[in-house]
């Protein structure tokens, strides 16, 4: 039985099947598509984390000198 990648429809190798069995994500991916999905998740996670920490980047009002 030939299994195909859910993303690009290429035939999965034995290594791809082993990786999908060891680290299941719900869909079968080839090595290339798995890496691409991981990069998307990392980018989304870093964007979400940086936007959650934006309150640290506020600009303070310059101190006024009393004359």
N, C-alpha and C. Protein backbone atom coordinates (compact mmCIF):
# COMPACT_ATOMS: atom_id res chain seq x y z
N UNK A 1 0.84 -1.17 0.00
CA UNK A 1 0.00 0.00 0.00
C UNK A 1 0.89 1.24 0.00
N UNK A 2 0.68 2.11 -0.97
CA UNK A 2 1.45 3.34 -1.09
C UNK A 2 0.71 4.48 -0.40
N UNK A 3 1.37 5.10 0.57
CA UNK A 3 0.79 6.24 1.26
C UNK A 3 1.35 7.52 0.67
N UNK A 4 0.49 8.53 0.55
CA UNK A 4 0.90 9.79 -0.05
C UNK A 4 0.90 10.90 0.99
N UNK A 5 1.75 11.89 0.74
CA UNK A 5 1.83 13.06 1.59
C UNK A 5 0.51 13.84 1.48
N UNK A 6 0.00 14.33 2.60
CA UNK A 6 -1.26 15.07 2.61
C UNK A 6 -1.14 16.43 1.92
N UNK A 7 0.07 16.96 1.85
CA UNK A 7 0.28 18.30 1.31
C UNK A 7 0.63 18.27 -0.18
N UNK A 8 1.63 17.49 -0.56
CA UNK A 8 2.12 17.54 -1.94
C UNK A 8 1.83 16.27 -2.74
N UNK A 9 1.21 15.28 -2.15
CA UNK A 9 0.81 14.03 -2.81
C UNK A 9 1.97 13.22 -3.38
N UNK A 10 3.15 13.31 -2.76
CA UNK A 10 4.25 12.45 -3.17
C UNK A 10 4.22 11.19 -2.32
N UNK A 11 4.77 10.12 -2.86
CA UNK A 11 4.78 8.86 -2.13
C UNK A 11 5.74 8.96 -0.95
N UNK A 12 5.30 8.49 0.21
CA UNK A 12 6.12 8.55 1.41
C UNK A 12 7.13 7.43 1.44
N UNK A 13 8.35 7.77 1.86
CA UNK A 13 9.40 6.75 1.98
C UNK A 13 9.26 6.05 3.33
N UNK A 14 10.07 5.02 3.52
CA UNK A 14 10.04 4.30 4.80
C UNK A 14 10.45 5.23 5.94
N UNK A 15 11.42 6.11 5.69
CA UNK A 15 11.87 7.08 6.70
C UNK A 15 10.73 8.03 7.06
N UNK A 16 10.00 8.52 6.05
CA UNK A 16 8.87 9.41 6.29
C UNK A 16 7.80 8.72 7.14
N UNK A 17 7.53 7.46 6.85
CA UNK A 17 6.53 6.72 7.61
C UNK A 17 6.98 6.52 9.06
N UNK A 18 8.28 6.25 9.26
CA UNK A 18 8.80 6.10 10.61
C UNK A 18 8.66 7.41 11.40
N UNK A 19 8.99 8.52 10.75
CA UNK A 19 8.88 9.82 11.42
C UNK A 19 7.43 10.14 11.76
N UNK A 20 6.51 9.86 10.83
CA UNK A 20 5.10 10.12 11.08
C UNK A 20 4.55 9.24 12.19
N UNK A 21 5.08 8.03 12.31
CA UNK A 21 4.63 7.14 13.37
C UNK A 21 5.21 7.57 14.72
N UNK A 22 6.46 8.02 14.72
CA UNK A 22 7.10 8.45 15.97
C UNK A 22 6.56 9.78 16.47
N UNK A 23 6.27 10.70 15.55
CA UNK A 23 5.81 12.04 15.90
C UNK A 23 4.54 12.37 15.13
N UNK A 24 3.42 11.81 15.54
CA UNK A 24 2.17 12.03 14.79
C UNK A 24 1.64 13.46 14.96
N UNK A 25 1.16 14.03 13.87
CA UNK A 25 0.56 15.37 13.90
C UNK A 25 -0.86 15.35 13.35
N UNK A 26 -1.38 14.18 13.05
CA UNK A 26 -2.74 14.06 12.56
C UNK A 26 -2.83 13.82 11.07
N UNK A 27 -1.83 14.25 10.33
CA UNK A 27 -1.78 14.03 8.88
C UNK A 27 -0.43 13.42 8.53
N UNK A 28 -0.38 12.76 7.38
CA UNK A 28 0.89 12.20 6.91
C UNK A 28 1.60 13.22 6.03
N UNK A 29 2.84 13.54 6.38
CA UNK A 29 3.64 14.50 5.62
C UNK A 29 4.96 13.87 5.22
N UNK A 30 5.47 14.29 4.06
CA UNK A 30 6.83 13.91 3.69
C UNK A 30 7.79 14.80 4.49
N UNK A 31 9.06 14.52 4.42
CA UNK A 31 10.04 15.26 5.20
C UNK A 31 10.02 16.74 4.85
N UNK A 32 9.94 17.06 3.58
CA UNK A 32 9.93 18.46 3.13
C UNK A 32 8.72 19.22 3.67
N UNK A 33 7.54 18.65 3.53
CA UNK A 33 6.31 19.31 3.99
C UNK A 33 6.27 19.40 5.51
N UNK A 34 6.80 18.39 6.20
CA UNK A 34 6.85 18.41 7.66
C UNK A 34 7.72 19.58 8.13
N UNK A 35 8.86 19.77 7.49
CA UNK A 35 9.75 20.87 7.83
C UNK A 35 9.07 22.21 7.57
N UNK A 36 8.37 22.31 6.46
CA UNK A 36 7.67 23.54 6.12
C UNK A 36 6.57 23.85 7.14
N UNK A 37 5.84 22.84 7.58
CA UNK A 37 4.80 23.02 8.59
C UNK A 37 5.42 23.47 9.92
N UNK A 38 6.56 22.89 10.27
CA UNK A 38 7.24 23.28 11.51
C UNK A 38 7.67 24.74 11.45
N UNK A 39 8.21 25.17 10.29
CA UNK A 39 8.63 26.56 10.15
C UNK A 39 7.45 27.52 10.28
N UNK A 40 6.30 27.15 9.73
CA UNK A 40 5.10 27.98 9.85
C UNK A 40 4.68 28.11 11.32
N UNK A 41 4.71 26.98 12.04
CA UNK A 41 4.33 27.00 13.45
C UNK A 41 5.30 27.83 14.29
N UNK A 42 6.59 27.71 14.01
CA UNK A 42 7.59 28.48 14.73
C UNK A 42 7.41 29.98 14.47
N UNK A 43 7.15 30.34 13.22
CA UNK A 43 6.94 31.74 12.87
C UNK A 43 5.70 32.29 13.57
N UNK A 44 4.62 31.52 13.58
CA UNK A 44 3.38 31.95 14.24
C UNK A 44 3.59 32.09 15.74
N UNK A 45 4.27 31.13 16.35
CA UNK A 45 4.53 31.18 17.77
C UNK A 45 5.39 32.39 18.14
N UNK A 46 6.42 32.67 17.36
CA UNK A 46 7.27 33.82 17.67
C UNK A 46 6.52 35.13 17.49
N UNK A 47 5.65 35.21 16.49
CA UNK A 47 4.85 36.42 16.28
C UNK A 47 3.87 36.61 17.44
N UNK A 48 3.19 35.55 17.87
CA UNK A 48 2.25 35.63 18.98
C UNK A 48 2.95 36.03 20.27
N UNK A 49 4.13 35.47 20.50
CA UNK A 49 4.88 35.78 21.71
C UNK A 49 5.36 37.22 21.70
N UNK A 50 5.84 37.69 20.56
CA UNK A 50 6.33 39.06 20.50
C UNK A 50 5.19 40.07 20.66
N UNK A 51 4.02 39.76 20.12
CA UNK A 51 2.90 40.69 20.27
C UNK A 51 2.38 40.67 21.71
N UNK A 52 2.52 39.55 22.39
CA UNK A 52 2.09 39.48 23.79
C UNK A 52 3.02 40.27 24.69
N UNK A 53 4.26 40.47 24.27
CA UNK A 53 5.24 41.19 25.07
C UNK A 53 5.43 42.64 24.62
N UNK A 54 4.54 43.15 23.78
CA UNK A 54 4.67 44.51 23.27
C UNK A 54 4.57 45.57 24.36
N UNK A 55 3.92 45.27 25.47
CA UNK A 55 3.77 46.29 26.51
C UNK A 55 5.12 46.66 27.13
N UNK A 56 6.16 45.86 26.91
CA UNK A 56 7.49 46.22 27.41
C UNK A 56 8.14 47.31 26.54
N UNK A 57 7.63 47.54 25.36
CA UNK A 57 8.24 48.47 24.42
C UNK A 57 7.62 49.86 24.44
N UNK A 58 6.90 50.22 25.49
CA UNK A 58 6.26 51.52 25.52
C UNK A 58 7.31 52.61 25.68
N UNK A 59 7.00 53.78 25.14
CA UNK A 59 7.92 54.90 25.23
C UNK A 59 7.54 55.75 26.43
N UNK A 60 8.53 56.08 27.22
CA UNK A 60 8.28 56.90 28.38
C UNK A 60 8.31 58.38 27.97
N UNK A 61 7.55 59.17 28.67
CA UNK A 61 7.55 60.61 28.45
C UNK A 61 8.88 61.16 28.97
N UNK A 62 9.49 62.05 28.23
CA UNK A 62 10.74 62.64 28.74
C UNK A 62 10.44 63.47 29.98
N UNK A 63 11.36 63.42 30.92
CA UNK A 63 11.16 64.17 32.15
C UNK A 63 11.29 65.66 31.88
N UNK A 64 10.38 66.43 32.47
CA UNK A 64 10.42 67.89 32.32
C UNK A 64 11.28 68.48 33.41
N UNK A 65 12.05 69.45 33.01
CA UNK A 65 12.89 70.14 33.98
C UNK A 65 12.15 71.36 34.48
N UNK A 66 12.04 71.50 35.77
CA UNK A 66 11.36 72.65 36.36
C UNK A 66 12.33 73.83 36.42
N UNK A 67 11.87 74.98 35.90
CA UNK A 67 12.73 76.16 35.91
C UNK A 67 12.40 77.07 37.05
